[in-house]
PDB file of N, CA and C in Angstrom:
ATOM      1  N   MET A   1      16.920   2.268 -27.557  1.00  0.00           N
ATOM      2  CA  MET A   1      15.675   1.439 -26.281  1.00  0.00           C
ATOM      3  C   MET A   1      14.613   2.604 -26.661  1.00  0.00           C
ATOM      4  N   THR A   2      12.974   1.391 -26.358  1.00  0.00           N
ATOM      5  CA  THR A   2      11.841   1.738 -27.293  1.00  0.00           C
ATOM      6  C   THR A   2      11.383   2.458 -25.718  1.00  0.00           C
ATOM      7  N   ALA A   3      10.033   3.041 -25.727  1.00  0.00           N
ATOM      8  CA  ALA A   3       9.567   3.768 -24.906  1.00  0.00           C
ATOM      9  C   ALA A   3       9.020   2.663 -23.519  1.00  0.00           C
ATOM     10  N   ALA A   4       8.543   1.315 -24.436  1.00  0.00           N
ATOM     11  CA  ALA A   4       7.934   0.458 -23.253  1.00  0.00           C
ATOM     12  C   ALA A   4       9.436   0.105 -22.326  1.00  0.00           C
ATOM     13  N   GLU A   5      10.902  -0.172 -23.223  1.00  0.00           N
ATOM     14  CA  GLU A   5      12.175  -0.792 -22.003  1.00  0.00           C
ATOM     15  C   GLU A   5      12.605   0.418 -21.233  1.00  0.00           C
ATOM     16  N   THR A   6      12.038   2.334 -21.763  1.00  0.00           N
ATOM     17  CA  THR A   6      12.682   3.361 -21.094  1.00  0.00           C
ATOM     18  C   THR A   6      11.403   2.914 -19.662  1.00  0.00           C
ATOM     19  N   LEU A   7      10.208   2.961 -19.968  1.00  0.00           N
ATOM     20  CA  LEU A   7       9.358   2.536 -18.672  1.00  0.00           C
ATOM     21  C   LEU A   7       9.559   1.178 -18.046  1.00  0.00           C
ATOM     22  N   GLY A   8       9.654   0.277 -18.509  1.00  0.00           N
ATOM     23  CA  GLY A   8       9.792  -1.347 -17.569  1.00  0.00           C
ATOM     24  C   GLY A   8      11.406  -0.966 -16.940  1.00  0.00           C
ATOM     25  N   GLY A   9      12.809  -0.014 -17.386  1.00  0.00           N
ATOM     26  CA  GLY A   9      13.664   0.647 -16.372  1.00  0.00           C
ATOM     27  C   GLY A   9      13.216   1.698 -15.804  1.00  0.00           C
ATOM     28  N   VAL A  10      12.295   2.433 -15.686  1.00  0.00           N
ATOM     29  CA  VAL A  10      12.018   3.174 -14.423  1.00  0.00           C
ATOM     30  C   VAL A  10      11.100   2.752 -13.470  1.00  0.00           C
ATOM     31  N   ARG A  11      10.857   1.822 -13.977  1.00  0.00           N
ATOM     32  CA  ARG A  11       9.580   1.528 -13.122  1.00  0.00           C
ATOM     33  C   ARG A  11      10.061   0.293 -12.142  1.00  0.00           C
ATOM     34  N   ALA A  12      11.494  -0.493 -12.701  1.00  0.00           N
ATOM     35  CA  ALA A  12      12.438  -0.960 -11.543  1.00  0.00           C
ATOM     36  C   ALA A  12      12.732  -0.367 -11.103  1.00  0.00           C
ATOM     37  N   ARG A  13      13.686   0.749 -11.387  1.00  0.00           N
ATOM     38  CA  ARG A  13      14.256   1.448 -10.329  1.00  0.00           C
ATOM     39  C   ARG A  13      13.440   1.927  -9.508  1.00  0.00           C
ATOM     40  N   CYS A  14      12.286   2.112  -9.594  1.00  0.00           N
ATOM     41  CA  CYS A  14      11.278   2.317  -8.892  1.00  0.00           C
ATOM     42  C   CYS A  14      11.161   1.743  -7.621  1.00  0.00           C
ATOM     43  N   ASP A  15      10.540   0.481  -8.087  1.00  0.00           N
ATOM     44  CA  ASP A  15      10.802  -0.814  -7.136  1.00  0.00           C
ATOM     45  C   ASP A  15      11.745  -0.957  -6.593  1.00  0.00           C
ATOM     46  N   GLU A  16      13.088  -0.709  -6.674  1.00  0.00           N
ATOM     47  CA  GLU A  16      14.383  -0.699  -6.085  1.00  0.00           C
ATOM     48  C   GLU A  16      14.380   0.066  -4.566  1.00  0.00           C
ATOM     49  N   LEU A  17      14.016   1.711  -4.991  1.00  0.00           N
ATOM     50  CA  LEU A  17      14.249   3.085  -4.426  1.00  0.00           C
ATOM     51  C   LEU A  17      13.320   2.177  -3.339  1.00  0.00           C
ATOM     52  N   ILE A  18      11.399   1.598  -3.876  1.00  0.00           N
ATOM     53  CA  ILE A  18      10.648   1.439  -2.507  1.00  0.00           C
ATOM     54  C   ILE A  18      11.181   0.531  -1.554  1.00  0.00           C
ATOM     55  N   GLU A  19      12.116  -0.806  -1.920  1.00  0.00           N
ATOM     56  CA  GLU A  19      12.274  -1.707  -1.249  1.00  0.00           C
ATOM     57  C   GLU A  19      13.445  -0.704  -0.346  1.00  0.00           C
ATOM     58  N   GLU A  20      14.509  -0.240  -0.967  1.00  0.00           N
ATOM     59  CA  GLU A  20      15.375   0.235  -0.060  1.00  0.00           C
ATOM     60  C   GLU A  20      14.934   1.144   0.899  1.00  0.00           C
ATOM     61  N   TYR A  21      13.383   2.004   0.823  1.00  0.00           N
ATOM     62  CA  TYR A  21      13.424   2.772   2.181  1.00  0.00           C
ATOM     63  C   TYR A  21      12.710   1.965   2.753  1.00  0.00           C
ATOM     64  N   ARG A  22      11.779   0.870   2.371  1.00  0.00           N
ATOM     65  CA  ARG A  22      11.083  -0.232   3.223  1.00  0.00           C
ATOM     66  C   ARG A  22      12.227  -1.015   4.406  1.00  0.00           C
ATOM     67  N   SER A  23      13.105  -0.785   3.666  1.00  0.00           N
ATOM     68  CA  SER A  23      14.220  -1.597   4.378  1.00  0.00           C
ATOM     69  C   SER A  23      15.029  -0.883   5.366  1.00  0.00           C
ATOM     70  N   ALA A  24      15.258   0.836   4.836  1.00  0.00           N
ATOM     71  CA  ALA A  24      15.747   1.412   5.488  1.00  0.00           C
ATOM     72  C   ALA A  24      14.726   1.860   6.844  1.00  0.00           C
ATOM     73  N   LEU A  25      13.317   2.013   6.620  1.00  0.00           N
ATOM     74  CA  LEU A  25      13.032   1.779   7.591  1.00  0.00           C
ATOM     75  C   LEU A  25      12.392   0.890   8.889  1.00  0.00           C
ATOM     76  N   HIS A  26      12.518  -0.038   8.356  1.00  0.00           N
ATOM     77  CA  HIS A  26      13.012  -0.860   9.119  1.00  0.00           C
ATOM     78  C   HIS A  26      13.882  -1.464   9.856  1.00  0.00           C
ATOM     79  N   ASP A  27      15.030  -0.971   9.193  1.00  0.00           N
ATOM     80  CA  ASP A  27      16.605  -0.661  10.141  1.00  0.00           C
ATOM     81  C   ASP A  27      16.708   0.533  11.291  1.00  0.00           C
ATOM     82  N   ALA A  28      15.632   1.433  11.159  1.00  0.00           N
ATOM     83  CA  ALA A  28      15.607   2.596  12.069  1.00  0.00           C
ATOM     84  C   ALA A  28      15.103   2.034  13.037  1.00  0.00           C
ATOM     85  N   LEU A  29      15.046   1.022  13.523  1.00  0.00           N
ATOM     86  CA  LEU A  29      14.236  -0.245  15.054  1.00  0.00           C
ATOM     87  C   LEU A  29      15.224  -0.912  15.187  1.00  0.00           C
ATOM     88  N   ASP A  30      15.930  -1.141  14.560  1.00  0.00           N
ATOM     89  CA  ASP A  30      17.519  -2.097  15.085  1.00  0.00           C
ATOM     90  C   ASP A  30      17.603  -2.059  16.063  1.00  0.00           C
ATOM     91  N   ASP A  31      18.065  -2.576  16.893  1.00  0.00           N
ATOM     92  CA  ASP A  31      18.300  -2.259  17.974  1.00  0.00           C
ATOM     93  C   ASP A  31      18.109  -1.668  19.375  1.00  0.00           C
ATOM     94  N   LEU A  32      16.693  -1.063  19.222  1.00  0.00           N
ATOM     95  CA  LEU A  32      16.091  -0.016  19.792  1.00  0.00           C
ATOM     96  C   LEU A  32      14.857  -0.944  20.951  1.00  0.00           C
ATOM     97  N   THR A  33      15.222  -0.295  22.120  1.00  0.00           N
ATOM     98  CA  THR A  33      13.931  -1.243  22.862  1.00  0.00           C
ATOM     99  C   THR A  33      12.675  -0.689  22.488  1.00  0.00           C
ATOM    100  N   GLU A  34      11.616  -1.722  22.689  1.00  0.00           N
ATOM    101  CA  GLU A  34      10.050  -0.899  22.765  1.00  0.00           C
ATOM    102  C   GLU A  34       9.735   0.374  23.460  1.00  0.00           C
ATOM    103  N   GLU A  35      10.425   0.629  24.248  1.00  0.00           N
ATOM    104  CA  GLU A  35      10.267   2.215  25.017  1.00  0.00           C
ATOM    105  C   GLU A  35      10.872   3.111  23.687  1.00  0.00           C
ATOM    106  N   GLU A  36      12.092   2.382  23.190  1.00  0.00           N
ATOM    107  CA  GLU A  36      12.484   3.937  22.688  1.00  0.00           C
ATOM    108  C   GLU A  36      11.728   4.310  21.294  1.00  0.00           C
ATOM    109  N   ALA A  37      11.362   2.895  20.576  1.00  0.00           N
ATOM    110  CA  ALA A  37      11.007   2.665  19.458  1.00  0.00           C
ATOM    111  C   ALA A  37       8.979   3.609  19.914  1.00  0.00           C
ATOM    112  N   ARG A  38       8.936   3.868  21.064  1.00  0.00           N
ATOM    113  CA  ARG A  38       7.833   4.657  20.937  1.00  0.00           C
ATOM    114  C   ARG A  38       7.870   6.017  21.345  1.00  0.00           C
ATOM    115  N   LEU A  39       9.526   6.193  22.155  1.00  0.00           N
ATOM    116  CA  LEU A  39       9.771   7.838  22.418  1.00  0.00           C
ATOM    117  C   LEU A  39       9.056   8.564  21.370  1.00  0.00           C
ATOM    118  N   ARG A  40       8.479   9.762  22.622  1.00  0.00           N
ATOM    119  CA  ARG A  40       7.943  11.154  21.591  1.00  0.00           C
ATOM    120  C   ARG A  40       9.052  12.312  21.871  1.00  0.00           C
ATOM    121  N   LEU A  41       9.529  12.633  21.224  1.00  0.00           N
ATOM    122  CA  LEU A  41      11.132  12.940  20.581  1.00  0.00           C
ATOM    123  C   LEU A  41      10.678  14.545  20.310  1.00  0.00           C
ATOM    124  N   VAL A  42       9.712  14.780  19.200  1.00  0.00           N
ATOM    125  CA  VAL A  42       9.343  16.096  18.629  1.00  0.00           C
ATOM    126  C   VAL A  42       7.827  16.550  19.265  1.00  0.00           C
ATOM    127  N   PRO A  43       7.653  17.846  19.049  1.00  0.00           N
ATOM    128  CA  PRO A  43       6.272  18.206  19.583  1.00  0.00           C
ATOM    129  C   PRO A  43       4.896  17.253  19.281  1.00  0.00           C
ATOM    130  N   SER A  44       4.859  16.789  17.957  1.00  0.00           N
ATOM    131  CA  SER A  44       3.953  15.989  17.545  1.00  0.00           C
ATOM    132  C   SER A  44       3.728  14.841  18.061  1.00  0.00           C
ATOM    133  N   ARG A  45       2.992  13.756  17.654  1.00  0.00           N
ATOM    134  CA  ARG A  45       3.112  12.781  18.150  1.00  0.00           C
ATOM    135  C   ARG A  45       3.671  11.350  17.425  1.00  0.00           C
ATOM    136  N   THR A  46       4.634  12.148  16.675  1.00  0.00           N
ATOM    137  CA  THR A  46       5.281  10.914  15.961  1.00  0.00           C
ATOM    138  C   THR A  46       6.632  10.042  16.923  1.00  0.00           C
ATOM    139  N   THR A  47       6.847   8.892  16.217  1.00  0.00           N
ATOM    140  CA  THR A  47       7.567   8.096  16.842  1.00  0.00           C
ATOM    141  C   THR A  47       8.146   7.270  15.584  1.00  0.00           C
ATOM    142  N   LEU A  48       8.546   6.390  16.462  1.00  0.00           N
ATOM    143  CA  LEU A  48       9.379   5.832  15.179  1.00  0.00           C
ATOM    144  C   LEU A  48       8.434   4.361  14.987  1.00  0.00           C
ATOM    145  N   LEU A  49       8.336   4.016  15.625  1.00  0.00           N
ATOM    146  CA  LEU A  49       7.257   3.180  15.956  1.00  0.00           C
ATOM    147  C   LEU A  49       5.679   3.544  14.840  1.00  0.00           C
ATOM    148  N   GLY A  50       5.304   4.447  15.305  1.00  0.00           N
ATOM    149  CA  GLY A  50       4.155   5.189  14.531  1.00  0.00           C
ATOM    150  C   GLY A  50       4.502   5.603  12.919  1.00  0.00           C
ATOM    151  N   LEU A  51       5.902   6.073  13.114  1.00  0.00           N
ATOM    152  CA  LEU A  51       6.415   6.021  11.536  1.00  0.00           C
ATOM    153  C   LEU A  51       6.129   4.453  10.343  1.00  0.00           C
ATOM    154  N   LEU A  52       6.730   3.718  11.339  1.00  0.00           N
ATOM    155  CA  LEU A  52       6.203   2.502  10.970  1.00  0.00           C
ATOM    156  C   LEU A  52       5.025   1.730  10.492  1.00  0.00           C
ATOM    157  N   LYS A  53       4.180   2.197  11.574  1.00  0.00           N
ATOM    158  CA  LYS A  53       3.048   1.981  11.314  1.00  0.00           C
ATOM    159  C   LYS A  53       1.817   2.572   9.999  1.00  0.00           C
ATOM    160  N   HIS A  54       2.824   3.770  10.032  1.00  0.00           N
ATOM    161  CA  HIS A  54       1.722   5.465   9.042  1.00  0.00           C
ATOM    162  C   HIS A  54       2.187   4.958   7.618  1.00  0.00           C
ATOM    163  N   VAL A  55       3.630   4.170   7.890  1.00  0.00           N
ATOM    164  CA  VAL A  55       3.968   4.134   6.191  1.00  0.00           C
ATOM    165  C   VAL A  55       3.648   2.783   5.526  1.00  0.00           C
ATOM    166  N   THR A  56       3.000   1.885   6.438  1.00  0.00           N
ATOM    167  CA  THR A  56       2.302   0.534   6.433  1.00  0.00           C
ATOM    168  C   THR A  56       0.734   0.351   5.809  1.00  0.00           C
ATOM    169  N   PHE A  57       0.391   1.556   6.597  1.00  0.00           N
ATOM    170  CA  PHE A  57      -1.348   1.891   6.574  1.00  0.00           C
ATOM    171  C   PHE A  57      -1.121   2.482   5.055  1.00  0.00           C
ATOM    172  N   VAL A  58      -0.399   3.825   4.924  1.00  0.00           N
ATOM    173  CA  VAL A  58      -0.436   4.515   3.526  1.00  0.00           C
ATOM    174  C   VAL A  58      -0.129   3.717   2.788  1.00  0.00           C
ATOM    175  N   GLU A  59       0.513   2.667   2.260  1.00  0.00           N
ATOM    176  CA  GLU A  59       1.050   1.811   1.070  1.00  0.00           C
ATOM    177  C   GLU A  59       0.145   0.969   1.020  1.00  0.00           C
ATOM    178  N   GLY A  60      -0.679   0.609   2.038  1.00  0.00           N
ATOM    179  CA  GLY A  60      -1.724  -0.131   1.862  1.00  0.00           C
ATOM    180  C   GLY A  60      -3.142   0.978   0.768  1.00  0.00           C
ATOM    181  N   VAL A  61      -2.742   1.937   1.562  1.00  0.00           N
ATOM    182  CA  VAL A  61      -4.270   2.867   0.977  1.00  0.00           C
ATOM    183  C   VAL A  61      -3.453   3.039  -0.497  1.00  0.00           C
ATOM    184  N   TRP A  62      -2.761   3.339  -0.543  1.00  0.00           N
ATOM    185  CA  TRP A  62      -1.998   4.061  -2.336  1.00  0.00           C
ATOM    186  C   TRP A  62      -2.574   3.089  -3.083  1.00  0.00           C
ATOM    187  N   CYS A  63      -1.954   1.768  -2.776  1.00  0.00           N
ATOM    188  CA  CYS A  63      -1.648   0.354  -3.687  1.00  0.00           C
ATOM    189  C   CYS A  63      -2.823  -0.581  -3.402  1.00  0.00           C
ATOM    190  N   ASP A  64      -3.564  -1.046  -1.657  1.00  0.00           N
ATOM    191  CA  ASP A  64      -3.951  -1.944  -2.016  1.00  0.00           C
ATOM    192  C   ASP A  64      -5.049  -1.673  -2.561  1.00  0.00           C
ATOM    193  N   GLN A  65      -5.789  -0.417  -1.863  1.00  0.00           N
ATOM    194  CA  GLN A  65      -7.011   0.329  -2.021  1.00  0.00           C
ATOM    195  C   GLN A  65      -7.191   0.498  -3.600  1.00  0.00           C
ATOM    196  N   ALA A  66      -6.263   1.244  -4.104  1.00  0.00           N
ATOM    197  CA  ALA A  66      -6.250   1.805  -5.407  1.00  0.00           C
ATOM    198  C   ALA A  66      -5.972   0.552  -6.274  1.00  0.00           C
ATOM    199  N   VAL A  67      -5.394  -0.293  -6.455  1.00  0.00           N
ATOM    200  CA  VAL A  67      -4.972  -1.345  -7.047  1.00  0.00           C
ATOM    201  C   VAL A  67      -6.109  -2.394  -6.789  1.00  0.00           C
ATOM    202  N   THR A  68      -6.032  -3.065  -6.013  1.00  0.00           N
ATOM    203  CA  THR A  68      -7.395  -4.445  -6.018  1.00  0.00           C
ATOM    204  C   THR A  68      -8.909  -3.964  -5.335  1.00  0.00           C
ATOM    205  N   GLY A  69      -8.802  -2.536  -4.902  1.00  0.00           N
ATOM    206  CA  GLY A  69     -10.004  -2.371  -4.782  1.00  0.00           C
ATOM    207  C   GLY A  69     -10.760  -2.666  -3.603  1.00  0.00           C
ATOM    208  N   ARG A  70      -9.922  -3.107  -2.660  1.00  0.00           N
ATOM    209  CA  ARG A  70     -10.508  -3.203  -1.728  1.00  0.00           C
ATOM    210  C   ARG A  70     -11.154  -1.923  -0.663  1.00  0.00           C
ATOM    211  N   SER A  71     -12.251  -1.485  -0.252  1.00  0.00           N
ATOM    212  CA  SER A  71     -12.865  -0.695   0.714  1.00  0.00           C
ATOM    213  C   SER A  71     -12.181  -0.134   1.304  1.00  0.00           C
ATOM    214  N   THR A  72     -12.387   1.452   1.615  1.00  0.00           N
ATOM    215  CA  THR A  72     -11.788   1.708   2.883  1.00  0.00           C
ATOM    216  C   THR A  72     -12.217   1.355   4.199  1.00  0.00           C
ATOM    217  N   GLU A  73     -13.233   0.556   4.257  1.00  0.00           N
ATOM    218  CA  GLU A  73     -13.911  -0.153   5.593  1.00  0.00           C
ATOM    219  C   GLU A  73     -13.096  -1.263   5.631  1.00  0.00           C
ATOM    220  N   GLN A  74     -12.512  -1.729   4.773  1.00  0.00           N
ATOM    221  CA  GLN A  74     -11.616  -3.440   5.423  1.00  0.00           C
ATOM    222  C   GLN A  74     -10.019  -3.033   5.308  1.00  0.00           C
ATOM    223  N   LEU A  75      -9.882  -1.181   4.888  1.00  0.00           N
ATOM    224  CA  LEU A  75      -8.296  -1.144   5.527  1.00  0.00           C
ATOM    225  C   LEU A  75      -7.977  -0.616   6.673  1.00  0.00           C
ATOM    226  N   GLY A  76     -10.012  -0.337   7.073  1.00  0.00           N
ATOM    227  CA  GLY A  76      -9.909  -0.270   8.314  1.00  0.00           C
ATOM    228  C   GLY A  76      -9.977   1.662   8.785  1.00  0.00           C
ATOM    229  N   GLU A  77      -9.889   2.458   7.767  1.00  0.00           N
ATOM    230  CA  GLU A  77      -9.726   3.783   8.211  1.00  0.00           C
ATOM    231  C   GLU A  77     -10.375   4.458   7.222  1.00  0.00           C
ATOM    232  N   VAL A  78     -11.065   5.580   6.952  1.00  0.00           N
ATOM    233  CA  VAL A  78     -12.216   6.300   6.502  1.00  0.00           C
ATOM    234  C   VAL A  78     -11.439   7.193   5.906  1.00  0.00           C
ATOM    235  N   VAL A  79     -10.701   6.593   4.185  1.00  0.00           N
ATOM    236  CA  VAL A  79     -10.726   7.954   3.804  1.00  0.00           C
ATOM    237  C   VAL A  79     -11.292   8.252   2.480  1.00  0.00           C
ATOM    238  N   SER A  80     -10.593   9.350   1.727  1.00  0.00           N
ATOM    239  CA  SER A  80     -11.540   9.890   0.228  1.00  0.00           C
ATOM    240  C   SER A  80     -10.336  10.499  -0.616  1.00  0.00           C
ATOM    241  N   GLY A  81     -10.733  10.584  -2.014  1.00  0.00           N
ATOM    242  CA  GLY A  81     -10.187  11.656  -2.851  1.00  0.00           C
ATOM    243  C   GLY A  81      -9.718  10.851  -3.808  1.00  0.00           C
ATOM    244  N   ARG A  82      -9.047   9.585  -3.716  1.00  0.00           N
ATOM    245  CA  ARG A  82      -8.185   9.115  -4.223  1.00  0.00           C
ATOM    246  C   ARG A  82      -8.011   9.136  -5.762  1.00  0.00           C
ATOM    247  N   GLY A  83      -9.791   9.092  -6.081  1.00  0.00           N
ATOM    248  CA  GLY A  83      -9.609   9.154  -8.003  1.00  0.00           C
ATOM    249  C   GLY A  83      -9.139   8.064  -8.527  1.00  0.00           C
ATOM    250  N   LYS A  84      -9.406   7.803  -9.909  1.00  0.00           N
ATOM    251  CA  LYS A  84      -8.692   7.179 -10.618  1.00  0.00           C
ATOM    252  C   LYS A  84      -7.100   7.930 -10.925  1.00  0.00           C
ATOM    253  N   ARG A  85      -6.566   6.857 -11.244  1.00  0.00           N
ATOM    254  CA  ARG A  85      -4.891   7.095 -10.699  1.00  0.00           C
ATOM    255  C   ARG A  85      -4.153   6.184 -12.175  1.00  0.00           C
ATOM    256  N   VAL A  86      -3.169   6.265 -12.304  1.00  0.00           N
ATOM    257  CA  VAL A  86      -2.161   5.217 -13.243  1.00  0.00           C
ATOM    258  C   VAL A  86      -1.465   4.551 -12.000  1.00  0.00           C
ATOM    259  N   VAL A  87      -1.287   3.013 -12.537  1.00  0.00           N
ATOM    260  CA  VAL A  87      -0.286   2.541 -11.563  1.00  0.00           C
ATOM    261  C   VAL A  87       1.219   3.271 -11.256  1.00  0.00           C
ATOM    262  N   TRP A  88       1.743   3.448 -12.253  1.00  0.00           N
ATOM    263  CA  TRP A  88       3.212   4.224 -11.759  1.00  0.00           C
ATOM    264  C   TRP A  88       2.922   5.805 -10.825  1.00  0.00           C
ATOM    265  N   ALA A  89       1.787   6.182 -11.372  1.00  0.00           N
ATOM    266  CA  ALA A  89       1.293   7.326 -10.384  1.00  0.00           C
ATOM    267  C   ALA A  89       1.871   6.850  -8.734  1.00  0.00           C
ATOM    268  N   LEU A  90       0.644   6.060  -8.362  1.00  0.00           N
ATOM    269  CA  LEU A  90       0.760   5.262  -7.113  1.00  0.00           C
ATOM    270  C   LEU A  90       2.063   4.840  -6.966  1.00  0.00           C
ATOM    271  N   HIS A  91       2.736   4.277  -7.411  1.00  0.00           N
ATOM    272  CA  HIS A  91       4.142   3.690  -7.377  1.00  0.00           C
ATOM    273  C   HIS A  91       5.020   5.314  -6.962  1.00  0.00           C
ATOM    274  N   LEU A  92       4.808   5.987  -7.973  1.00  0.00           N
ATOM    275  CA  LEU A  92       5.955   7.379  -7.044  1.00  0.00           C
ATOM    276  C   LEU A  92       5.034   7.952  -6.089  1.00  0.00           C
ATOM    277  N   GLN A  93       3.920   8.100  -5.385  1.00  0.00           N
ATOM    278  CA  GLN A  93       3.355   8.603  -4.667  1.00  0.00           C
ATOM    279  C   GLN A  93       3.744   7.634  -3.425  1.00  0.00           C
ATOM    280  N   VAL A  94       4.111   6.719  -3.194  1.00  0.00           N
ATOM    281  CA  VAL A  94       4.249   5.810  -2.436  1.00  0.00           C
ATOM    282  C   VAL A  94       5.981   5.625  -1.833  1.00  0.00           C
ATOM    283  N   LEU A  95       6.664   5.683  -3.095  1.00  0.00           N
ATOM    284  CA  LEU A  95       8.010   6.087  -2.782  1.00  0.00           C
ATOM    285  C   LEU A  95       8.153   7.641  -2.177  1.00  0.00           C
ATOM    286  N   ARG A  96       7.324   8.465  -2.807  1.00  0.00           N
ATOM    287  CA  ARG A  96       7.928   9.877  -1.925  1.00  0.00           C
ATOM    288  C   ARG A  96       7.459   9.958  -0.717  1.00  0.00           C
ATOM    289  N   GLU A  97       6.350   8.637  -0.148  1.00  0.00           N
ATOM    290  CA  GLU A  97       5.833   8.837   1.074  1.00  0.00           C
ATOM    291  C   GLU A  97       7.183   8.727   1.962  1.00  0.00           C
ATOM    292  N   LEU A  98       7.511   7.143   1.680  1.00  0.00           N
ATOM    293  CA  LEU A  98       8.832   6.107   2.082  1.00  0.00           C
ATOM    294  C   LEU A  98       9.770   7.363   2.383  1.00  0.00           C
ATOM    295  N   ALA A  99       9.892   7.860   1.559  1.00  0.00           N
ATOM    296  CA  ALA A  99      11.377   8.984   1.340  1.00  0.00           C
ATOM    297  C   ALA A  99      11.344   9.624   2.674  1.00  0.00           C
ATOM    298  N   GLN A 100      10.388  10.298   2.599  1.00  0.00           N
ATOM    299  CA  GLN A 100      10.234  11.571   3.629  1.00  0.00           C
ATOM    300  C   GLN A 100      10.019  10.951   4.757  1.00  0.00           C
ATOM    301  N   HIS A 101       9.403   9.990   5.283  1.00  0.00           N
ATOM    302  CA  HIS A 101       9.338   9.468   6.168  1.00  0.00           C
ATOM    303  C   HIS A 101      10.645   8.829   6.524  1.00  0.00           C
ATOM    304  N   CYS A 102      11.758   8.133   5.462  1.00  0.00           N
ATOM    305  CA  CYS A 102      12.825   7.685   6.334  1.00  0.00           C
ATOM    306  C   CYS A 102      13.348   8.955   6.932  1.00  0.00           C
ATOM    307  N   GLY A 103      13.640  10.048   6.579  1.00  0.00           N
ATOM    308  CA  GLY A 103      14.089  11.026   6.826  1.00  0.00           C
ATOM    309  C   GLY A 103      14.218  11.613   7.890  1.00  0.00           C
ATOM    310  N   HIS A 104      12.582  11.688   8.563  1.00  0.00           N
ATOM    311  CA  HIS A 104      12.257  11.514   9.852  1.00  0.00           C
ATOM    312  C   HIS A 104      12.555  10.533  10.426  1.00  0.00           C
ATOM    313  N   ALA A 105      12.831   9.242  10.000  1.00  0.00           N
ATOM    314  CA  ALA A 105      13.080   8.213  10.919  1.00  0.00           C
ATOM    315  C   ALA A 105      14.572   8.806  11.261  1.00  0.00           C
ATOM    316  N   ASP A 106      15.387   8.317  10.377  1.00  0.00           N
ATOM    317  CA  ASP A 106      16.703   8.902  10.470  1.00  0.00           C
ATOM    318  C   ASP A 106      17.060   9.991  11.902  1.00  0.00           C
ATOM    319  N   ILE A 107      16.052  11.229  11.808  1.00  0.00           N
ATOM    320  CA  ILE A 107      16.366  12.275  12.937  1.00  0.00           C
ATOM    321  C   ILE A 107      15.623  11.916  14.259  1.00  0.00           C
ATOM    322  N   LEU A 108      14.557  11.116  14.566  1.00  0.00           N
ATOM    323  CA  LEU A 108      13.929  10.721  15.491  1.00  0.00           C
ATOM    324  C   LEU A 108      15.328   9.130  15.995  1.00  0.00           C
ATOM    325  N   ARG A 109      16.107   8.494  15.213  1.00  0.00           N
ATOM    326  CA  ARG A 109      16.801   7.389  15.876  1.00  0.00           C
ATOM    327  C   ARG A 109      17.862   7.977  15.949  1.00  0.00           C
ATOM    328  N   GLU A 110      18.384   9.196  15.225  1.00  0.00           N
ATOM    329  CA  GLU A 110      19.368  10.110  15.781  1.00  0.00           C
ATOM    330  C   GLU A 110      19.208  10.797  17.491  1.00  0.00           C
ATOM    331  N   GLN A 111      18.396  11.032  17.660  1.00  0.00           N
ATOM    332  CA  GLN A 111      17.842  11.330  18.896  1.00  0.00           C
ATOM    333  C   GLN A 111      17.556  10.286  19.665  1.00  0.00           C
ATOM    334  N   VAL A 112      17.139   9.549  19.873  1.00  0.00           N
ATOM    335  CA  VAL A 112      16.776   8.219  20.341  1.00  0.00           C
ATOM    336  C   VAL A 112      18.110   7.829  20.840  1.00  0.00           C
ATOM    337  N   LEU A 113      19.691   7.634  19.853  1.00  0.00           N
ATOM    338  CA  LEU A 113      20.708   7.391  20.268  1.00  0.00           C
ATOM    339  C   LEU A 113      21.297   8.061  21.326  1.00  0.00           C
ATOM    340  N   ALA A 114      21.067   9.668  20.830  1.00  0.00           N
ATOM    341  CA  ALA A 114      22.199  10.708  21.789  1.00  0.00           C
ATOM    342  C   ALA A 114      21.538  10.626  23.041  1.00  0.00           C
ATOM    343  N   ARG A 115      20.202  10.223  23.040  1.00  0.00           N
ATOM    344  CA  ARG A 115      19.760  10.126  24.579  1.00  0.00           C
ATOM    345  C   ARG A 115      20.294   8.754  25.234  1.00  0.00           C
ATOM    346  N   ARG A 116      20.767   8.115  24.678  1.00  0.00           N
ATOM    347  CA  ARG A 116      21.341   6.596  25.454  1.00  0.00           C
ATOM    348  C   ARG A 116      22.872   7.572  25.747  1.00  0.00           C
ATOM    349  N   GLY A 117      23.459   8.190  25.170  1.00  0.00           N
ATOM    350  CA  GLY A 117      24.878   8.338  25.252  1.00  0.00           C
ATOM    351  C   GLY A 117      25.380   9.924  26.224  1.00  0.00           C
ATOM    352  N   GLY A 118      24.015   9.702  27.230  1.00  0.00           N
ATOM    353  CA  GLY A 118      23.962  10.532  27.519  1.00  0.00           C
ATOM    354  C   GLY A 118      23.400  12.166  28.054  1.00  0.00           C
TER     355      GLY A 118
END
């Protein structure tokens, strides 16, 4: 297997995982009311809906801004420190963010469903 084939396989797997985590975050809101999606169950302001909004923005910053060159003003929030990065590093950053927040979403969903039961 050539280096290009190996890199292509890694990139494909990374893309698969990103899609799986996107779906998992989306699915964390399944069958919840808007009120449940907005419940603050931890000392921070983190909510299930807030996590979804956050990862959408983060992906926009890491991919849209870095790859397409859209300004931070066009994205709607001031960010700095991106610097030059290769595309695969951006994918890994998005993958890390999604994986981390999927874990948060699992915990928050579990808390929401526990409130329903009693």
